N, C-alpha and C. Protein backbone atom coordinates (compact mmCIF):
# COMPACT_ATOMS: atom_id res chain seq x y z
N MET A 1 -48.19 -7.04 95.03
CA MET A 1 -47.47 -5.77 95.06
C MET A 1 -46.80 -5.19 96.33
N THR A 2 -45.34 -5.00 96.27
CA THR A 2 -44.71 -4.66 97.51
C THR A 2 -45.15 -3.12 97.88
N GLY A 3 -44.63 -2.87 99.37
CA GLY A 3 -45.45 -1.93 100.01
C GLY A 3 -44.92 -0.38 99.08
N THR A 4 -43.62 -0.65 98.81
CA THR A 4 -43.09 0.77 98.02
C THR A 4 -44.17 0.85 96.68
N MET A 5 -44.13 -0.10 95.86
CA MET A 5 -45.13 0.15 94.80
C MET A 5 -46.33 0.53 94.97
N ALA A 6 -47.01 -0.14 95.87
CA ALA A 6 -48.21 0.06 96.54
C ALA A 6 -48.32 1.79 96.83
N ALA A 7 -47.21 2.26 97.63
CA ALA A 7 -47.43 3.92 98.00
C ALA A 7 -47.43 4.61 96.84
N ARG A 8 -46.55 4.10 95.82
CA ARG A 8 -46.25 4.78 94.68
C ARG A 8 -47.69 5.05 93.52
N VAL A 9 -48.31 3.75 93.71
CA VAL A 9 -49.35 3.86 92.95
C VAL A 9 -50.54 4.63 93.41
N ALA A 10 -50.50 4.40 95.04
CA ALA A 10 -51.80 5.30 95.87
C ALA A 10 -51.31 6.90 95.52
N ARG A 11 -49.93 7.26 95.50
CA ARG A 11 -49.53 8.81 95.62
C ARG A 11 -49.80 9.07 93.98
N THR A 12 -49.83 8.26 93.09
CA THR A 12 -50.16 8.71 91.63
C THR A 12 -51.82 9.03 91.39
N ASN A 13 -52.32 7.85 92.19
CA ASN A 13 -53.94 8.23 92.00
C ASN A 13 -54.29 9.32 92.63
N ARG A 14 -53.69 9.66 93.90
CA ARG A 14 -54.11 11.01 94.68
C ARG A 14 -53.62 11.93 93.86
N ILE A 15 -52.64 12.02 93.30
CA ILE A 15 -52.33 13.37 92.13
C ILE A 15 -53.37 13.19 91.24
N ARG A 16 -53.86 12.09 90.33
CA ARG A 16 -54.64 12.20 89.59
C ARG A 16 -55.82 12.66 89.95
N GLN A 17 -56.36 12.36 91.41
CA GLN A 17 -57.61 13.07 91.74
C GLN A 17 -57.60 14.69 91.85
N THR A 18 -56.47 14.90 92.46
CA THR A 18 -56.23 16.31 92.98
C THR A 18 -56.40 17.06 91.36
N TYR A 19 -55.68 16.51 90.12
CA TYR A 19 -55.80 17.32 88.97
C TYR A 19 -57.05 17.26 88.16
N THR A 20 -58.02 16.14 88.46
CA THR A 20 -59.25 15.88 87.99
C THR A 20 -60.25 16.96 88.84
N LEU A 21 -59.98 17.06 89.66
CA LEU A 21 -60.77 18.04 90.72
C LEU A 21 -60.42 19.52 90.20
N LEU A 22 -59.32 19.62 90.09
CA LEU A 22 -59.13 21.05 89.47
C LEU A 22 -59.63 21.40 88.10
N GLY A 23 -59.15 20.40 87.26
CA GLY A 23 -59.71 20.27 85.85
C GLY A 23 -61.49 20.66 85.85
N LEU A 24 -62.00 19.47 86.40
CA LEU A 24 -63.54 19.59 86.37
C LEU A 24 -64.18 20.89 86.94
N GLY A 25 -63.16 21.74 88.14
CA GLY A 25 -63.67 22.81 88.57
C GLY A 25 -63.54 23.98 87.77
N ILE A 26 -62.47 24.11 86.74
CA ILE A 26 -62.20 25.08 85.74
C ILE A 26 -62.92 24.83 84.86
N VAL A 27 -63.34 23.51 84.50
CA VAL A 27 -64.82 23.19 83.22
C VAL A 27 -65.90 24.08 83.59
N PHE A 28 -66.65 23.71 85.06
CA PHE A 28 -67.52 24.33 85.37
C PHE A 28 -67.65 25.79 85.58
N ILE A 29 -66.28 26.49 85.93
CA ILE A 29 -66.29 27.90 85.87
C ILE A 29 -66.43 28.51 84.54
N LEU A 30 -65.77 27.88 83.67
CA LEU A 30 -65.73 28.47 82.06
C LEU A 30 -67.26 28.01 81.55
N ALA A 31 -67.86 26.95 82.25
CA ALA A 31 -69.23 26.83 81.78
C ALA A 31 -70.03 27.81 82.63
N ALA A 32 -70.00 28.37 83.52
CA ALA A 32 -70.72 29.23 84.02
C ALA A 32 -70.43 30.43 83.40
N LEU A 33 -69.35 30.81 83.08
CA LEU A 33 -68.87 32.02 82.16
C LEU A 33 -69.66 32.29 81.08
N ILE A 34 -69.47 31.04 80.00
CA ILE A 34 -70.00 31.11 78.75
C ILE A 34 -71.34 30.80 78.82
N LEU A 35 -72.08 29.81 79.40
CA LEU A 35 -73.47 29.82 78.95
C LEU A 35 -74.27 30.57 79.83
N ARG A 36 -74.08 31.04 81.15
CA ARG A 36 -74.89 31.99 81.99
C ARG A 36 -76.26 31.54 81.93
N LEU A 37 -76.48 30.04 82.34
CA LEU A 37 -77.56 29.80 82.64
C LEU A 37 -78.37 30.07 83.68
N ASN A 38 -79.97 30.42 83.54
CA ASN A 38 -80.54 30.77 84.58
C ASN A 38 -80.87 29.52 85.65
N SER A 39 -80.38 29.58 86.78
CA SER A 39 -79.83 28.75 87.99
C SER A 39 -81.23 28.08 88.18
N TYR A 40 -82.46 28.69 88.10
CA TYR A 40 -83.55 28.26 88.80
C TYR A 40 -84.07 27.28 87.26
N GLU A 41 -83.82 27.64 86.34
CA GLU A 41 -84.38 26.58 85.13
C GLU A 41 -83.29 25.37 84.94
N TYR A 42 -82.31 25.83 85.55
CA TYR A 42 -81.20 24.49 85.19
C TYR A 42 -80.66 24.34 86.76
N PRO A 43 -81.35 24.15 87.93
CA PRO A 43 -80.80 23.94 89.16
C PRO A 43 -79.45 22.79 89.04
N LEU A 44 -78.39 22.74 88.67
CA LEU A 44 -77.51 21.54 88.48
C LEU A 44 -76.46 21.93 89.85
N GLY A 45 -76.29 22.96 90.25
CA GLY A 45 -74.93 23.05 90.83
C GLY A 45 -74.69 22.08 92.32
N VAL A 46 -75.49 21.73 93.11
CA VAL A 46 -75.35 20.70 94.05
C VAL A 46 -75.36 19.66 93.42
N LEU A 47 -76.14 19.05 92.53
CA LEU A 47 -75.69 17.76 91.95
C LEU A 47 -74.54 17.76 91.21
N LEU A 48 -73.98 18.66 90.73
CA LEU A 48 -72.78 18.50 89.81
C LEU A 48 -71.79 18.46 90.65
N LEU A 49 -71.61 19.12 91.75
CA LEU A 49 -70.78 19.15 92.95
C LEU A 49 -70.51 17.95 93.35
N GLY A 50 -71.72 17.10 93.70
CA GLY A 50 -71.64 15.83 93.95
C GLY A 50 -71.23 14.99 93.00
N ILE A 51 -71.71 14.63 91.50
CA ILE A 51 -70.97 14.15 90.89
C ILE A 51 -69.40 14.31 90.78
N GLY A 52 -68.80 15.51 90.60
CA GLY A 52 -67.59 15.86 90.71
C GLY A 52 -66.93 15.21 91.86
N LEU A 53 -67.30 15.49 93.26
CA LEU A 53 -66.77 14.74 94.03
C LEU A 53 -66.75 13.10 93.80
N LEU A 54 -67.61 12.55 93.42
CA LEU A 54 -67.86 10.93 93.28
C LEU A 54 -66.46 10.82 91.92
N ILE A 55 -66.69 11.57 91.23
CA ILE A 55 -65.61 11.35 90.08
C ILE A 55 -64.23 11.45 90.77
N GLY A 56 -63.91 12.37 91.45
CA GLY A 56 -62.54 12.28 92.08
C GLY A 56 -62.78 10.98 93.12
N ALA A 57 -63.80 10.55 93.75
CA ALA A 57 -63.53 9.44 94.79
C ALA A 57 -63.27 8.10 93.93
N PHE A 58 -63.70 7.97 93.01
CA PHE A 58 -63.48 6.70 91.96
C PHE A 58 -61.70 6.70 91.62
N LEU A 59 -61.37 7.80 91.52
CA LEU A 59 -59.70 7.79 91.20
C LEU A 59 -58.86 7.41 92.36
N TYR A 60 -59.40 7.75 93.48
CA TYR A 60 -58.64 7.56 94.83
C TYR A 60 -59.77 7.37 96.00
N PRO A 61 -60.25 6.21 95.98
CA PRO A 61 -61.43 5.72 96.84
C PRO A 61 -61.29 6.29 98.26
N PRO A 62 -60.34 6.34 99.09
CA PRO A 62 -60.18 6.66 100.40
C PRO A 62 -60.36 8.17 100.81
N ARG A 63 -60.44 9.02 99.73
CA ARG A 63 -60.89 10.54 99.73
C ARG A 63 -62.14 10.72 99.20
N LEU A 64 -63.19 11.40 99.57
CA LEU A 64 -63.97 11.74 98.96
C LEU A 64 -65.35 10.96 98.74
N MET A 65 -65.30 9.59 99.17
CA MET A 65 -66.24 9.08 99.10
C MET A 65 -67.47 9.35 99.97
N ILE A 66 -67.28 9.82 101.39
CA ILE A 66 -68.31 10.24 102.20
C ILE A 66 -69.13 11.63 101.24
N ALA A 67 -68.33 12.62 101.32
CA ALA A 67 -68.75 13.71 100.47
C ALA A 67 -69.55 13.45 99.21
N GLY A 68 -68.77 12.61 98.56
CA GLY A 68 -69.68 12.37 97.29
C GLY A 68 -70.86 11.43 97.58
N TRP A 69 -70.95 10.75 98.25
CA TRP A 69 -72.12 9.93 98.54
C TRP A 69 -73.19 10.55 99.12
N ILE A 70 -72.97 11.65 99.85
CA ILE A 70 -74.01 12.50 100.66
C ILE A 70 -74.23 13.56 99.79
N VAL A 71 -73.64 14.47 99.04
CA VAL A 71 -73.84 15.33 98.20
C VAL A 71 -74.35 15.20 96.92
N THR A 72 -74.26 14.02 96.56
CA THR A 72 -75.11 13.52 94.98
C THR A 72 -76.36 13.38 95.38
N PRO A 73 -76.92 12.56 96.07
CA PRO A 73 -78.31 12.46 96.21
C PRO A 73 -79.03 13.58 96.82
N LEU A 74 -78.36 14.38 97.98
CA LEU A 74 -78.79 15.78 97.97
C LEU A 74 -79.04 16.67 96.99
N GLY A 75 -77.94 16.51 95.82
CA GLY A 75 -77.87 17.41 94.73
C GLY A 75 -79.28 16.68 93.62
N LEU A 76 -79.50 15.70 93.92
CA LEU A 76 -80.59 15.29 92.77
C LEU A 76 -81.90 15.73 93.50
N ALA A 77 -81.94 15.38 94.94
CA ALA A 77 -83.26 16.19 95.70
C ALA A 77 -83.44 17.55 95.53
N VAL A 78 -82.07 18.23 95.65
CA VAL A 78 -82.37 19.88 95.23
C VAL A 78 -82.75 19.91 93.57
N PHE A 79 -82.27 19.44 92.81
CA PHE A 79 -82.61 19.56 91.47
C PHE A 79 -84.07 19.11 91.43
N LEU A 80 -84.60 18.27 91.68
CA LEU A 80 -86.02 17.55 91.57
C LEU A 80 -86.74 18.82 92.10
N THR A 81 -86.49 19.38 93.33
CA THR A 81 -87.32 20.30 93.77
C THR A 81 -87.62 21.31 93.13
N PHE A 82 -86.61 22.16 92.84
CA PHE A 82 -86.26 23.23 91.98
C PHE A 82 -86.74 22.98 90.38
N LYS A 83 -86.91 22.10 89.98
CA LYS A 83 -87.57 21.81 88.60
C LYS A 83 -88.95 21.54 88.97
N ARG A 84 -89.56 21.40 90.08
CA ARG A 84 -90.74 21.41 90.55
C ARG A 84 -91.45 19.83 90.05
N LEU A 85 -90.51 19.06 90.25
CA LEU A 85 -90.79 17.61 90.01
C LEU A 85 -91.24 16.90 91.47
N ILE A 86 -91.01 17.47 92.64
CA ILE A 86 -91.52 17.08 93.97
C ILE A 86 -92.19 18.37 94.74
N PRO A 87 -93.32 17.81 94.82
CA PRO A 87 -94.45 18.69 95.45
C PRO A 87 -93.78 19.43 96.81
N GLY A 88 -94.29 20.59 97.09
CA GLY A 88 -93.57 21.58 97.99
C GLY A 88 -93.70 20.80 99.50
N ASN A 89 -94.86 20.28 99.62
CA ASN A 89 -95.09 19.50 100.81
C ASN A 89 -94.38 18.08 101.20
N GLN A 90 -93.70 17.93 100.17
CA GLN A 90 -92.85 16.45 99.91
C GLN A 90 -91.52 16.54 100.35
N VAL A 91 -90.93 18.10 99.92
CA VAL A 91 -89.50 18.30 100.01
C VAL A 91 -88.66 17.90 101.26
N LEU A 92 -89.00 18.02 102.39
CA LEU A 92 -88.59 17.61 103.57
C LEU A 92 -88.33 15.86 103.39
N ALA A 93 -89.35 15.05 103.04
CA ALA A 93 -89.39 13.67 102.96
C ALA A 93 -88.49 13.24 102.16
N PHE A 94 -88.10 14.09 101.01
CA PHE A 94 -86.96 13.89 99.80
C PHE A 94 -85.67 13.96 100.53
N PHE A 95 -85.76 15.04 100.79
CA PHE A 95 -84.31 15.29 101.59
C PHE A 95 -83.80 14.26 102.45
N ILE A 96 -84.88 13.94 103.37
CA ILE A 96 -84.54 12.87 104.29
C ILE A 96 -83.98 11.49 103.69
N LEU A 97 -84.82 10.98 102.58
CA LEU A 97 -84.60 9.99 101.70
C LEU A 97 -83.07 10.25 101.09
N ALA A 98 -82.61 11.54 100.75
CA ALA A 98 -81.38 11.46 99.82
C ALA A 98 -80.30 11.17 101.18
N ILE A 99 -80.51 11.87 102.09
CA ILE A 99 -79.50 11.66 103.62
C ILE A 99 -79.46 10.17 103.54
N GLY A 100 -80.45 9.44 103.57
CA GLY A 100 -80.55 8.05 103.74
C GLY A 100 -79.71 7.25 102.80
N ILE A 101 -80.08 7.53 101.90
CA ILE A 101 -79.39 7.05 100.59
C ILE A 101 -77.87 7.20 100.76
N GLY A 102 -77.63 8.46 100.85
CA GLY A 102 -75.99 8.88 100.82
C GLY A 102 -75.37 8.05 102.14
N LEU A 103 -75.99 7.79 103.50
CA LEU A 103 -75.60 7.43 104.49
C LEU A 103 -75.41 5.83 104.38
N LEU A 104 -76.37 5.50 103.56
CA LEU A 104 -76.21 3.82 103.05
C LEU A 104 -75.18 3.77 102.12
N ALA A 105 -74.99 4.32 101.11
CA ALA A 105 -74.09 4.40 100.34
C ALA A 105 -72.45 4.27 101.27
N VAL A 106 -72.37 5.43 102.29
CA VAL A 106 -71.07 5.47 102.84
C VAL A 106 -70.87 4.44 103.77
N ALA A 107 -72.10 3.46 104.14
CA ALA A 107 -71.92 2.48 105.12
C ALA A 107 -70.99 1.25 104.22
N LEU A 108 -71.74 1.23 103.16
CA LEU A 108 -71.21 -0.05 102.22
C LEU A 108 -69.87 0.22 101.82
N VAL A 109 -69.39 1.58 101.46
CA VAL A 109 -68.07 2.03 101.04
C VAL A 109 -66.98 1.59 102.20
N GLY A 110 -67.64 2.06 103.58
CA GLY A 110 -66.95 1.61 104.74
C GLY A 110 -66.85 0.31 104.72
N ARG A 111 -67.57 -0.73 104.63
CA ARG A 111 -67.33 -2.20 104.58
C ARG A 111 -66.42 -2.55 103.78
N ARG A 112 -65.88 -1.91 102.55
CA ARG A 112 -65.03 -1.93 101.79
C ARG A 112 -63.50 -1.21 102.10
N GLY A 113 -63.58 -0.78 103.35
CA GLY A 113 -62.51 -0.20 104.10
C GLY A 113 -62.08 1.28 103.32
N TYR A 114 -63.17 1.78 102.83
CA TYR A 114 -62.50 3.37 102.28
C TYR A 114 -63.05 4.14 103.15
N VAL A 115 -63.89 4.10 104.27
CA VAL A 115 -64.27 4.90 105.28
C VAL A 115 -63.67 4.34 106.73
N GLY A 116 -63.14 4.93 107.60
CA GLY A 116 -62.54 4.60 108.64
C GLY A 116 -63.94 4.56 109.83
N LYS A 117 -63.65 3.57 110.59
CA LYS A 117 -64.71 3.49 111.79
C LYS A 117 -64.98 4.71 112.69
N GLY A 118 -64.14 5.92 112.63
CA GLY A 118 -64.38 7.01 113.56
C GLY A 118 -64.64 8.08 112.41
N ALA A 119 -65.28 7.80 111.13
CA ALA A 119 -65.28 9.16 110.27
C ALA A 119 -66.43 10.02 110.90
N ILE A 120 -66.33 11.08 110.98
CA ILE A 120 -67.28 12.19 111.36
C ILE A 120 -67.73 12.97 110.43
N SER A 121 -67.18 12.63 109.41
CA SER A 121 -67.66 13.57 107.86
C SER A 121 -69.05 13.44 107.61
N PRO A 122 -69.87 12.31 107.71
CA PRO A 122 -71.23 12.12 107.44
C PRO A 122 -71.96 12.98 108.29
N ALA A 123 -71.77 12.76 109.50
CA ALA A 123 -72.23 13.89 110.74
C ALA A 123 -72.14 15.34 110.36
N LEU A 124 -71.10 16.06 109.92
CA LEU A 124 -70.56 16.91 109.83
C LEU A 124 -71.35 17.64 108.38
N LEU A 125 -71.33 16.78 107.38
CA LEU A 125 -72.04 17.37 106.45
C LEU A 125 -73.94 17.26 106.63
N VAL A 126 -74.18 16.34 107.15
CA VAL A 126 -75.69 16.61 107.75
C VAL A 126 -76.15 17.62 108.35
N LEU A 127 -75.16 18.11 109.67
CA LEU A 127 -75.15 19.34 110.27
C LEU A 127 -75.10 20.46 109.44
N VAL A 128 -74.36 20.85 108.39
CA VAL A 128 -74.14 21.52 107.31
C VAL A 128 -75.47 21.90 106.71
N VAL A 129 -75.86 20.60 106.05
CA VAL A 129 -76.96 20.88 105.27
C VAL A 129 -78.28 21.27 106.38
N GLY A 130 -78.57 20.78 107.60
CA GLY A 130 -79.10 21.12 108.23
C GLY A 130 -79.18 22.81 108.68
N LEU A 131 -78.05 23.15 108.68
CA LEU A 131 -77.52 24.55 109.08
C LEU A 131 -78.36 25.27 108.15
N VAL A 132 -77.89 25.01 106.91
CA VAL A 132 -78.29 26.04 105.47
C VAL A 132 -79.70 25.94 105.56
N GLU A 133 -80.32 24.79 105.84
CA GLU A 133 -82.12 24.64 105.76
C GLU A 133 -82.35 25.49 106.71
N PHE A 134 -81.96 25.68 108.01
CA PHE A 134 -82.70 26.45 108.91
C PHE A 134 -82.36 27.91 108.50
N LEU A 135 -81.02 28.17 108.29
CA LEU A 135 -80.85 29.58 107.69
C LEU A 135 -81.67 30.02 106.44
N LEU A 136 -82.03 29.17 105.63
CA LEU A 136 -82.75 29.42 104.53
C LEU A 136 -84.29 29.71 105.17
N ALA A 137 -84.67 28.69 105.86
CA ALA A 137 -86.20 28.90 106.53
C ALA A 137 -86.25 30.30 107.16
N ARG A 138 -85.47 30.82 107.80
CA ARG A 138 -85.34 31.85 108.53
C ARG A 138 -85.14 33.15 107.78
N GLY A 139 -84.81 32.94 106.61
CA GLY A 139 -84.25 34.24 105.54
C GLY A 139 -83.18 34.84 106.04
N LEU A 140 -82.15 34.08 106.43
CA LEU A 140 -81.03 34.56 106.88
C LEU A 140 -79.82 34.40 106.15
N THR A 141 -80.04 33.97 104.69
CA THR A 141 -79.02 33.88 103.87
C THR A 141 -78.85 35.14 102.84
N PRO A 142 -77.87 35.36 102.69
CA PRO A 142 -77.56 36.17 101.45
C PRO A 142 -78.67 36.28 100.13
N SER A 143 -79.06 37.34 99.75
CA SER A 143 -80.01 37.28 98.34
C SER A 143 -79.58 36.40 97.52
N GLY A 144 -78.20 36.31 97.15
CA GLY A 144 -77.85 35.76 95.92
C GLY A 144 -77.21 34.38 96.19
N PHE A 145 -77.88 33.86 97.58
CA PHE A 145 -77.34 32.37 98.08
C PHE A 145 -77.55 31.17 97.31
N ILE A 146 -78.99 31.40 97.05
CA ILE A 146 -79.69 30.14 96.42
C ILE A 146 -79.47 30.14 94.74
N PRO A 147 -79.28 31.11 94.01
CA PRO A 147 -79.03 31.03 92.76
C PRO A 147 -77.37 30.61 92.63
N PHE A 148 -76.73 30.88 93.50
CA PHE A 148 -74.98 30.45 93.87
C PHE A 148 -75.21 29.00 93.89
N MET A 149 -75.87 28.32 94.85
CA MET A 149 -76.02 27.03 94.83
C MET A 149 -76.55 26.26 93.99
N LEU A 150 -77.29 26.81 93.20
CA LEU A 150 -77.93 25.94 91.91
C LEU A 150 -77.05 26.08 90.63
N SER A 151 -76.22 27.19 90.58
CA SER A 151 -75.57 27.40 89.27
C SER A 151 -74.09 26.69 89.32
N LEU A 152 -73.69 26.79 88.06
CA LEU A 152 -72.33 26.00 87.71
C LEU A 152 -71.39 26.58 88.71
N TRP A 153 -71.80 27.77 89.52
CA TRP A 153 -70.46 28.25 89.91
C TRP A 153 -70.13 27.51 91.15
N LEU A 154 -71.20 26.92 92.07
CA LEU A 154 -70.77 25.88 93.09
C LEU A 154 -69.81 25.02 92.70
N PRO A 155 -70.29 23.90 91.90
CA PRO A 155 -69.20 23.10 91.81
C PRO A 155 -67.86 23.56 91.11
N GLY A 156 -67.83 24.55 90.63
CA GLY A 156 -66.63 25.07 89.88
C GLY A 156 -65.69 25.47 90.76
N ILE A 157 -66.30 26.30 91.94
CA ILE A 157 -65.48 26.73 92.91
C ILE A 157 -65.18 25.77 94.07
N GLY A 158 -66.36 25.09 94.41
CA GLY A 158 -66.03 23.90 95.19
C GLY A 158 -65.33 22.76 94.77
N LEU A 159 -65.07 22.83 93.51
CA LEU A 159 -64.30 21.16 93.15
C LEU A 159 -62.75 22.05 93.09
N ILE A 160 -62.56 23.31 93.00
CA ILE A 160 -61.32 23.93 92.73
C ILE A 160 -60.78 24.08 94.36
N VAL A 161 -61.22 24.43 95.16
CA VAL A 161 -61.17 24.51 96.77
C VAL A 161 -60.94 23.18 96.88
N VAL A 162 -61.41 21.84 96.99
CA VAL A 162 -60.98 20.77 97.26
C VAL A 162 -60.01 20.26 96.63
N GLY A 163 -59.64 20.53 95.25
CA GLY A 163 -58.41 20.28 94.44
C GLY A 163 -57.20 20.93 95.05
N LEU A 164 -57.39 22.07 95.38
CA LEU A 164 -56.24 22.99 95.99
C LEU A 164 -55.95 22.82 97.14
N ALA A 165 -56.91 22.06 98.13
CA ALA A 165 -56.49 21.73 99.46
C ALA A 165 -55.46 20.70 99.22
N TYR A 166 -56.03 19.70 98.52
CA TYR A 166 -55.13 18.23 98.23
C TYR A 166 -53.83 18.59 97.65
N LEU A 167 -53.86 19.70 96.66
CA LEU A 167 -52.53 19.99 96.32
C LEU A 167 -51.68 20.62 97.20
N LEU A 168 -52.37 21.60 98.12
CA LEU A 168 -51.42 22.08 99.00
C LEU A 168 -50.88 20.95 100.04
N THR A 169 -51.66 19.98 100.32
CA THR A 169 -51.27 18.99 101.24
C THR A 169 -50.18 17.82 100.25
N ASN A 170 -49.90 18.43 99.48
CA ASN A 170 -48.65 17.59 98.60
C ASN A 170 -48.92 16.36 98.00
N GLY A 171 -50.19 16.24 98.10
CA GLY A 171 -50.42 14.50 97.44
C GLY A 171 -50.56 13.76 98.52
N ARG A 172 -50.44 13.89 99.91
CA ARG A 172 -50.32 13.05 100.90
C ARG A 172 -51.64 12.37 101.05
N GLY A 173 -51.48 11.14 101.83
CA GLY A 173 -52.64 10.35 102.11
C GLY A 173 -53.70 10.95 103.09
N GLY A 174 -54.57 10.25 103.15
CA GLY A 174 -55.52 10.58 104.30
C GLY A 174 -57.01 10.50 103.81
N HIS A 175 -57.92 10.73 104.66
CA HIS A 175 -59.15 10.48 104.26
C HIS A 175 -60.04 11.75 104.54
N ALA A 176 -59.40 12.87 103.98
CA ALA A 176 -60.11 13.90 104.38
C ALA A 176 -61.45 14.21 103.54
N PHE A 177 -62.53 15.12 104.06
CA PHE A 177 -63.56 15.43 103.13
C PHE A 177 -64.15 13.86 103.00
């Protein structure tokens, strides 16, 4: 494939990724409005955000691989925790395992060239998770924070924000998020 053709294909894939993220975000917001699920009974927010990011990552692998592979295992741990399938005294261990699985996946996609050597996103994502956990433990989060994180609103708003960020960058390349 020539350089021009490869650039055109990459741009097309970035645009597909952008519109897929926006579309998934809209679907999740509509589902949140229509279904009005009890977020404690169906704690899917973080998991669906991770899956949405991974779907976007597979459409254009240089973007979103890090976020998708870190957030999805964490989302699974959050889901299992709030469904009470993980005992309370093992939650920290499962979160550490989830982060380890995510970092292992990031290392593997890094070998394929989708993640650069200087990627700081994994560290930033782990720091954000740690900060959120710290604030939760100290009772410093707003009262609606946990229900929002568990609800369909999180993937809806999150995927739309990421999609809009990519749309505003006009489909340019890069390894953001």
